[in-house]
Amino acid sequence: MEPLSRRQQEVLTTINNHLSQQGRSPSVREIADLLGLTGTLPVVQHLNALERKGYIRREGTRSPAIAVLAEGTVWKQECLPGVDWNHCYFQLPVVEQTEPGMQEPDPEDTVEQVSLDHFGRMSGARFMLKVLGDAMRGAGINEGDLALVRPSSRDTTNGDIVVVWLNGETMVRRCLHEQGFIRLQPENPCFDPVFVRHGAPGFHIIGIVTAIFRRQQSTTPC
């Protein structure tokens, strides 16, 4: 989460104290009064910043309730009555590096967990890879994106985008089968293709990329 200014932290502390003492979130006017402010506009601006940074969530429109979010909260779709949450959603680990034969990452190699719906389960994916670099920019895959990976060491179709381990380096490339070789094709003219033989030492196909997830960037209104 982004750090808070001193005043934003004071607003967040005021909300927390009011929730614990009164059992409900304070109104904008109540926050202003508790902080000794004469107007409510500064409070609204601080609440907007807190929500943008992921510390609170406001629900409703006319008199919105404020929910304080724990640090590191993963956003998920709201659980509806009658929906079996445990079977509709599941978590996948996110890694930044892979290793030969990898099916599921070790907990110590996991940098975070991401909640996915039934689509992710149907894809056969077992983990997500945080993309480093922009070698696949032309395919719409940018640095920092999360690639949904279905482990597969051999079953690849010509043109699949795959995650490979090559001499200790993890990379995402398009897999093109040629006579006796695999061409690992980037989608950025600044990068050169890599040619490797089938079964070459130091080369392993980790899995097939089935989807790309991109974090929505917060924007500040003009």
C-alpha atoms as a PDB file:
ATOM      1  CA  MET A   1       0.000   0.000   0.000  1.00  0.00           C
ATOM      2  CA  GLU A   2       1.053   3.582  -0.581  1.00  0.00           C
ATOM      3  CA  PRO A   3       2.226   5.483   2.506  1.00  0.00           C
ATOM      4  CA  LEU A   4      -0.139   7.953   4.160  1.00  0.00           C
ATOM      5  CA  SER A   5       0.374  11.591   4.942  1.00  0.00           C
ATOM      6  CA  ARG A   6       0.116  12.670   8.576  1.00  0.00           C
ATOM      7  CA  ARG A   7      -3.408  14.020   8.080  1.00  0.00           C
ATOM      8  CA  GLN A   8      -4.552  10.913   6.196  1.00  0.00           C
ATOM      9  CA  GLN A   9      -3.281   8.763   9.053  1.00  0.00           C
ATOM     10  CA  GLU A  10      -5.207  10.909  11.528  1.00  0.00           C
ATOM     11  CA  VAL A  11      -8.411  10.444   9.527  1.00  0.00           C
ATOM     12  CA  LEU A  12      -7.861   6.678   9.377  1.00  0.00           C
ATOM     13  CA  THR A  13      -7.206   6.517  13.134  1.00  0.00           C
ATOM     14  CA  THR A  14     -10.368   8.550  13.780  1.00  0.00           C
ATOM     15  CA  ILE A  15     -12.421   6.126  11.684  1.00  0.00           C
ATOM     16  CA  ASN A  16     -10.953   3.120  13.487  1.00  0.00           C
ATOM     17  CA  ASN A  17     -11.596   4.617  16.927  1.00  0.00           C
ATOM     18  CA  HIS A  18     -15.180   5.521  16.043  1.00  0.00           C
ATOM     19  CA  LEU A  19     -15.853   2.024  14.659  1.00  0.00           C
ATOM     20  CA  SER A  20     -14.551   0.367  17.824  1.00  0.00           C
ATOM     21  CA  GLN A  21     -16.370   2.739  20.205  1.00  0.00           C
ATOM     22  CA  GLN A  22     -19.672   3.304  18.385  1.00  0.00           C
ATOM     23  CA  GLY A  23     -19.947   0.159  16.277  1.00  0.00           C
ATOM     24  CA  ARG A  24     -20.476   2.169  13.090  1.00  0.00           C
ATOM     25  CA  SER A  25     -18.456   4.327  10.774  1.00  0.00           C
ATOM     26  CA  PRO A  26     -18.501   8.103  11.365  1.00  0.00           C
ATOM     27  CA  SER A  27     -20.077  10.536   8.941  1.00  0.00           C
ATOM     28  CA  VAL A  28     -17.974  13.100   7.128  1.00  0.00           C
ATOM     29  CA  ARG A  29     -19.260  15.805   9.487  1.00  0.00           C
ATOM     30  CA  GLU A  30     -18.418  13.680  12.530  1.00  0.00           C
ATOM     31  CA  ILE A  31     -14.879  13.144  11.268  1.00  0.00           C
ATOM     32  CA  ALA A  32     -14.480  16.872  10.724  1.00  0.00           C
ATOM     33  CA  ASP A  33     -15.755  17.619  14.244  1.00  0.00           C
ATOM     34  CA  LEU A  34     -13.491  14.996  15.836  1.00  0.00           C
ATOM     35  CA  LEU A  35     -10.489  16.481  14.055  1.00  0.00           C
ATOM     36  CA  GLY A  36     -11.482  20.059  14.887  1.00  0.00           C
ATOM     37  CA  LEU A  37     -12.069  21.055  11.265  1.00  0.00           C
ATOM     38  CA  THR A  38     -14.656  23.706  10.357  1.00  0.00           C
ATOM     39  CA  GLY A  39     -15.407  22.340   6.870  1.00  0.00           C
ATOM     40  CA  THR A  40     -15.983  18.873   5.415  1.00  0.00           C
ATOM     41  CA  LEU A  41     -14.180  19.334   2.074  1.00  0.00           C
ATOM     42  CA  PRO A  42     -10.733  18.396   3.483  1.00  0.00           C
ATOM     43  CA  VAL A  43     -12.259  15.249   5.004  1.00  0.00           C
ATOM     44  CA  VAL A  44     -13.763  14.237   1.670  1.00  0.00           C
ATOM     45  CA  GLN A  45     -10.402  14.752  -0.018  1.00  0.00           C
ATOM     46  CA  HIS A  46      -8.640  12.614   2.609  1.00  0.00           C
ATOM     47  CA  LEU A  47     -11.277   9.882   2.298  1.00  0.00           C
ATOM     48  CA  ASN A  48     -10.807   9.876  -1.472  1.00  0.00           C
ATOM     49  CA  ALA A  49      -7.058   9.430  -0.979  1.00  0.00           C
ATOM     50  CA  LEU A  50      -7.544   6.647   1.594  1.00  0.00           C
ATOM     51  CA  GLU A  51      -9.871   4.764  -0.761  1.00  0.00           C
ATOM     52  CA  ARG A  52      -7.566   5.235  -3.730  1.00  0.00           C
ATOM     53  CA  LYS A  53      -4.640   3.878  -1.709  1.00  0.00           C
ATOM     54  CA  GLY A  54      -6.658   0.864  -0.613  1.00  0.00           C
ATOM     55  CA  TYR A  55      -7.057   1.607   3.120  1.00  0.00           C
ATOM     56  CA  ILE A  56     -10.834   1.984   3.151  1.00  0.00           C
ATOM     57  CA  ARG A  57     -13.856   1.133   1.042  1.00  0.00           C
ATOM     58  CA  ARG A  58     -17.035   3.203   0.987  1.00  0.00           C
ATOM     59  CA  GLU A  59     -20.386   1.554   0.405  1.00  0.00           C
ATOM     60  CA  GLY A  60     -23.607   3.361  -0.477  1.00  0.00           C
ATOM     61  CA  THR A  61     -24.089   6.810  -1.955  1.00  0.00           C
ATOM     62  CA  ARG A  62     -26.219   9.137   0.164  1.00  0.00           C
ATOM     63  CA  SER A  63     -24.663   8.218   3.508  1.00  0.00           C
ATOM     64  CA  PRO A  64     -21.835   5.824   2.692  1.00  0.00           C
ATOM     65  CA  ALA A  65     -20.539   3.427   5.321  1.00  0.00           C
ATOM     66  CA  ILE A  66     -16.770   3.158   5.603  1.00  0.00           C
ATOM     67  CA  ALA A  67     -15.053  -0.220   5.842  1.00  0.00           C
ATOM     68  CA  VAL A  68     -11.410  -0.272   6.923  1.00  0.00           C
ATOM     69  CA  LEU A  69      -9.378  -2.779   4.941  1.00  0.00           C
ATOM     70  CA  ALA A  70      -6.494  -4.757   6.365  1.00  0.00           C
ATOM     71  CA  GLU A  71      -3.131  -4.158   4.727  1.00  0.00           C
ATOM     72  CA  GLY A  72      -2.577  -6.562   1.872  1.00  0.00           C
ATOM     73  CA  THR A  73      -6.289  -7.154   1.300  1.00  0.00           C
ATOM     74  CA  VAL A  74      -7.005  -9.042  -1.915  1.00  0.00           C
ATOM     75  CA  TRP A  75     -10.160  -7.786  -3.601  1.00  0.00           C
ATOM     76  CA  LYS A  76     -12.689 -10.462  -4.452  1.00  0.00           C
ATOM     77  CA  GLN A  77     -16.224 -10.490  -5.762  1.00  0.00           C
ATOM     78  CA  GLU A  78     -18.839 -10.098  -3.057  1.00  0.00           C
ATOM     79  CA  CYS A  79     -20.178 -13.368  -1.671  1.00  0.00           C
ATOM     80  CA  LEU A  80     -23.869 -13.679  -2.504  1.00  0.00           C
ATOM     81  CA  PRO A  81     -26.431 -15.620  -0.421  1.00  0.00           C
ATOM     82  CA  GLY A  82     -26.585 -19.236  -1.499  1.00  0.00           C
ATOM     83  CA  VAL A  83     -23.228 -19.148  -3.300  1.00  0.00           C
ATOM     84  CA  ASP A  84     -20.622 -21.700  -2.196  1.00  0.00           C
ATOM     85  CA  TRP A  85     -17.710 -19.277  -1.883  1.00  0.00           C
ATOM     86  CA  ASN A  86     -15.101 -21.958  -1.190  1.00  0.00           C
ATOM     87  CA  HIS A  87     -15.875 -23.780  -4.426  1.00  0.00           C
ATOM     88  CA  CYS A  88     -16.373 -20.710  -6.625  1.00  0.00           C
ATOM     89  CA  TYR A  89     -13.116 -18.964  -5.788  1.00  0.00           C
ATOM     90  CA  PHE A  90      -9.627 -20.139  -5.014  1.00  0.00           C
ATOM     91  CA  GLN A  91      -6.179 -18.640  -4.546  1.00  0.00           C
ATOM     92  CA  LEU A  92      -3.128 -19.074  -6.732  1.00  0.00           C
ATOM     93  CA  PRO A  93       0.446 -18.297  -5.698  1.00  0.00           C
ATOM     94  CA  VAL A  94       2.420 -15.662  -7.573  1.00  0.00           C
ATOM     95  CA  VAL A  95       6.128 -16.170  -8.268  1.00  0.00           C
ATOM     96  CA  GLU A  96       8.841 -14.188  -9.994  1.00  0.00           C
ATOM     97  CA  GLN A  97      11.103 -17.124 -10.906  1.00  0.00           C
ATOM     98  CA  THR A  98      10.625 -20.777 -11.818  1.00  0.00           C
ATOM     99  CA  GLU A  99      12.675 -23.967 -11.747  1.00  0.00           C
ATOM    100  CA  PRO A 100      12.765 -27.119 -13.904  1.00  0.00           C
ATOM    101  CA  GLY A 101       9.811 -29.453 -13.415  1.00  0.00           C
ATOM    102  CA  MET A 102       7.899 -26.895 -11.425  1.00  0.00           C
ATOM    103  CA  GLN A 103       4.213 -27.750 -10.911  1.00  0.00           C
ATOM    104  CA  GLU A 104       3.443 -25.641  -7.868  1.00  0.00           C
ATOM    105  CA  PRO A 105       5.839 -23.171  -6.247  1.00  0.00           C
ATOM    106  CA  ASP A 106       7.225 -23.651  -2.764  1.00  0.00           C
ATOM    107  CA  PRO A 107       5.657 -21.323  -0.183  1.00  0.00           C
ATOM    108  CA  GLU A 108       8.966 -19.529   0.368  1.00  0.00           C
ATOM    109  CA  ASP A 109       9.096 -18.636  -3.348  1.00  0.00           C
ATOM    110  CA  THR A 110       5.591 -17.147  -3.343  1.00  0.00           C
ATOM    111  CA  VAL A 111       5.464 -13.342  -3.336  1.00  0.00           C
ATOM    112  CA  GLU A 112       1.672 -13.052  -2.949  1.00  0.00           C
ATOM    113  CA  GLN A 113      -1.658 -14.833  -3.453  1.00  0.00           C
ATOM    114  CA  VAL A 114      -4.321 -13.844  -5.982  1.00  0.00           C
ATOM    115  CA  SER A 115      -7.995 -14.873  -5.810  1.00  0.00           C
ATOM    116  CA  LEU A 116      -9.499 -16.204  -9.037  1.00  0.00           C
ATOM    117  CA  ASP A 117     -12.936 -17.395 -10.043  1.00  0.00           C
ATOM    118  CA  HIS A 118     -14.049 -20.556 -11.835  1.00  0.00           C
ATOM    119  CA  PHE A 119     -12.322 -19.474 -15.053  1.00  0.00           C
ATOM    120  CA  GLY A 120      -8.915 -19.851 -13.469  1.00  0.00           C
ATOM    121  CA  ARG A 121      -9.726 -23.328 -12.177  1.00  0.00           C
ATOM    122  CA  MET A 122     -10.986 -24.487 -15.588  1.00  0.00           C
ATOM    123  CA  SER A 123      -7.778 -23.321 -17.282  1.00  0.00           C
ATOM    124  CA  GLY A 124      -5.703 -25.849 -15.353  1.00  0.00           C
ATOM    125  CA  ALA A 125      -3.410 -23.114 -14.061  1.00  0.00           C
ATOM    126  CA  ARG A 126      -1.426 -23.879 -10.915  1.00  0.00           C
ATOM    127  CA  PHE A 127       0.359 -20.589 -10.352  1.00  0.00           C
ATOM    128  CA  MET A 128       0.915 -17.086 -11.715  1.00  0.00           C
ATOM    129  CA  LEU A 129       4.191 -15.576 -12.888  1.00  0.00           C
ATOM    130  CA  LYS A 130       4.974 -11.902 -12.444  1.00  0.00           C
ATOM    131  CA  VAL A 131       6.302 -10.790 -15.829  1.00  0.00           C
ATOM    132  CA  LEU A 132       9.691  -9.105 -15.768  1.00  0.00           C
ATOM    133  CA  GLY A 133      10.818  -7.036 -18.731  1.00  0.00           C
ATOM    134  CA  ASP A 134       8.955  -6.046 -21.893  1.00  0.00           C
ATOM    135  CA  ALA A 135      10.126  -8.672 -24.384  1.00  0.00           C
ATOM    136  CA  MET A 136       6.466  -9.618 -25.095  1.00  0.00           C
ATOM    137  CA  ARG A 137       5.154  -6.075 -25.359  1.00  0.00           C
ATOM    138  CA  GLY A 138       3.868  -6.663 -28.887  1.00  0.00           C
ATOM    139  CA  ALA A 139       1.628  -9.466 -27.601  1.00  0.00           C
ATOM    140  CA  GLY A 140       0.086  -7.127 -25.034  1.00  0.00           C
ATOM    141  CA  ILE A 141       2.153  -8.496 -22.147  1.00  0.00           C
ATOM    142  CA  ASN A 142       3.817  -5.775 -20.109  1.00  0.00           C
ATOM    143  CA  GLU A 143       6.262  -5.765 -17.230  1.00  0.00           C
ATOM    144  CA  GLY A 144       4.431  -6.324 -13.947  1.00  0.00           C
ATOM    145  CA  ASP A 145       1.552  -8.266 -15.524  1.00  0.00           C
ATOM    146  CA  LEU A 146       0.584 -11.593 -13.973  1.00  0.00           C
ATOM    147  CA  ALA A 147       0.665 -14.559 -16.346  1.00  0.00           C
ATOM    148  CA  LEU A 148      -1.677 -17.441 -15.538  1.00  0.00           C
ATOM    149  CA  VAL A 149       0.403 -20.593 -16.079  1.00  0.00           C
ATOM    150  CA  ARG A 150      -0.753 -24.139 -16.796  1.00  0.00           C
ATOM    151  CA  PRO A 151       2.212 -26.469 -16.158  1.00  0.00           C
ATOM    152  CA  SER A 152       3.156 -28.432 -19.268  1.00  0.00           C
ATOM    153  CA  SER A 153       6.630 -29.626 -20.176  1.00  0.00           C
ATOM    154  CA  ARG A 154       5.852 -31.090 -23.631  1.00  0.00           C
ATOM    155  CA  ASP A 155       2.266 -30.537 -24.727  1.00  0.00           C
ATOM    156  CA  THR A 156       2.690 -27.227 -26.529  1.00  0.00           C
ATOM    157  CA  THR A 157       1.135 -26.109 -29.780  1.00  0.00           C
ATOM    158  CA  ASN A 158       3.095 -24.128 -32.307  1.00  0.00           C
ATOM    159  CA  GLY A 159       2.590 -20.459 -31.453  1.00  0.00           C
ATOM    160  CA  ASP A 160       1.752 -20.951 -27.774  1.00  0.00           C
ATOM    161  CA  ILE A 161       3.072 -18.324 -25.378  1.00  0.00           C
ATOM    162  CA  VAL A 162       5.048 -20.261 -22.810  1.00  0.00           C
ATOM    163  CA  VAL A 163       7.090 -19.825 -19.659  1.00  0.00           C
ATOM    164  CA  VAL A 164      10.524 -21.391 -20.015  1.00  0.00           C
ATOM    165  CA  TRP A 165      13.562 -21.904 -17.832  1.00  0.00           C
ATOM    166  CA  LEU A 166      16.773 -21.369 -19.768  1.00  0.00           C
ATOM    167  CA  ASN A 167      20.122 -21.658 -18.010  1.00  0.00           C
ATOM    168  CA  GLY A 168      18.714 -20.339 -14.756  1.00  0.00           C
ATOM    169  CA  GLU A 169      16.625 -17.548 -16.283  1.00  0.00           C
ATOM    170  CA  THR A 170      12.828 -17.520 -16.411  1.00  0.00           C
ATOM    171  CA  MET A 171      11.326 -15.946 -19.503  1.00  0.00           C
ATOM    172  CA  VAL A 172       8.016 -15.636 -21.348  1.00  0.00           C
ATOM    173  CA  ARG A 173       8.200 -16.176 -25.107  1.00  0.00           C
ATOM    174  CA  ARG A 174       6.211 -17.456 -28.058  1.00  0.00           C
ATOM    175  CA  CYS A 175       7.102 -21.079 -28.788  1.00  0.00           C
ATOM    176  CA  LEU A 176       7.651 -21.907 -32.467  1.00  0.00           C
ATOM    177  CA  HIS A 177       8.597 -25.460 -33.470  1.00  0.00           C
ATOM    178  CA  GLU A 178      11.108 -25.681 -36.305  1.00  0.00           C
ATOM    179  CA  GLN A 179      13.165 -28.545 -37.726  1.00  0.00           C
ATOM    180  CA  GLY A 180      14.885 -29.998 -34.673  1.00  0.00           C
ATOM    181  CA  PHE A 181      14.709 -26.684 -32.851  1.00  0.00           C
ATOM    182  CA  ILE A 182      12.396 -24.561 -30.772  1.00  0.00           C
ATOM    183  CA  ARG A 183      12.462 -20.865 -31.530  1.00  0.00           C
ATOM    184  CA  LEU A 184      11.673 -18.713 -28.507  1.00  0.00           C
ATOM    185  CA  GLN A 185      10.298 -15.657 -30.234  1.00  0.00           C
ATOM    186  CA  PRO A 186       9.974 -12.307 -28.422  1.00  0.00           C
ATOM    187  CA  GLU A 187       7.323  -9.783 -29.429  1.00  0.00           C
ATOM    188  CA  ASN A 188       9.607  -6.785 -29.218  1.00  0.00           C
ATOM    189  CA  PRO A 189      12.113  -5.868 -31.960  1.00  0.00           C
ATOM    190  CA  CYS A 190      14.646  -4.890 -29.295  1.00  0.00           C
ATOM    191  CA  PHE A 191      15.018  -8.568 -28.338  1.00  0.00           C
ATOM    192  CA  ASP A 192      16.460 -11.387 -30.436  1.00  0.00           C
ATOM    193  CA  PRO A 193      14.896 -14.836 -30.767  1.00  0.00           C
ATOM    194  CA  VAL A 194      16.584 -17.756 -29.025  1.00  0.00           C
ATOM    195  CA  PHE A 195      17.016 -21.138 -30.709  1.00  0.00           C
ATOM    196  CA  VAL A 196      17.290 -24.276 -28.591  1.00  0.00           C
ATOM    197  CA  ARG A 197      17.231 -27.976 -29.409  1.00  0.00           C
ATOM    198  CA  HIS A 198      14.526 -30.250 -28.035  1.00  0.00           C
ATOM    199  CA  GLY A 199      15.814 -31.772 -24.801  1.00  0.00           C
ATOM    200  CA  ALA A 200      18.828 -29.468 -24.632  1.00  0.00           C
ATOM    201  CA  PRO A 201      20.425 -29.317 -21.160  1.00  0.00           C
ATOM    202  CA  GLY A 202      19.575 -26.130 -19.308  1.00  0.00           C
ATOM    203  CA  PHE A 203      16.278 -25.710 -21.156  1.00  0.00           C
ATOM    204  CA  HIS A 204      12.852 -26.601 -19.776  1.00  0.00           C
ATOM    205  CA  ILE A 205       9.341 -25.579 -20.775  1.00  0.00           C
ATOM    206  CA  ILE A 206       7.570 -24.795 -17.519  1.00  0.00           C
ATOM    207  CA  GLY A 207       4.049 -24.180 -18.776  1.00  0.00           C
ATOM    208  CA  ILE A 208       1.640 -22.450 -21.118  1.00  0.00           C
ATOM    209  CA  VAL A 209       0.334 -18.942 -20.477  1.00  0.00           C
ATOM    210  CA  THR A 210      -3.461 -19.147 -20.551  1.00  0.00           C
ATOM    211  CA  ALA A 211      -4.307 -15.568 -19.555  1.00  0.00           C
ATOM    212  CA  ILE A 212      -2.777 -12.259 -18.507  1.00  0.00           C
ATOM    213  CA  PHE A 213      -3.943 -10.176 -15.566  1.00  0.00           C
ATOM    214  CA  ARG A 214      -3.059  -6.514 -15.253  1.00  0.00           C
ATOM    215  CA  ARG A 215      -3.401  -4.466 -12.098  1.00  0.00           C
ATOM    216  CA  GLN A 216      -5.656  -1.461 -12.541  1.00  0.00           C
ATOM    217  CA  GLN A 217      -3.683   1.693 -11.976  1.00  0.00           C
ATOM    218  CA  SER A 218      -5.238   4.255  -9.678  1.00  0.00           C
ATOM    219  CA  THR A 219      -5.663   7.668 -11.248  1.00  0.00           C
ATOM    220  CA  THR A 220      -6.085  10.997  -9.540  1.00  0.00           C
ATOM    221  CA  PRO A 221      -9.034  13.045 -10.828  1.00  0.00           C
ATOM    222  CA  CYS A 222      -8.084  16.330 -12.476  1.00  0.00           C
END
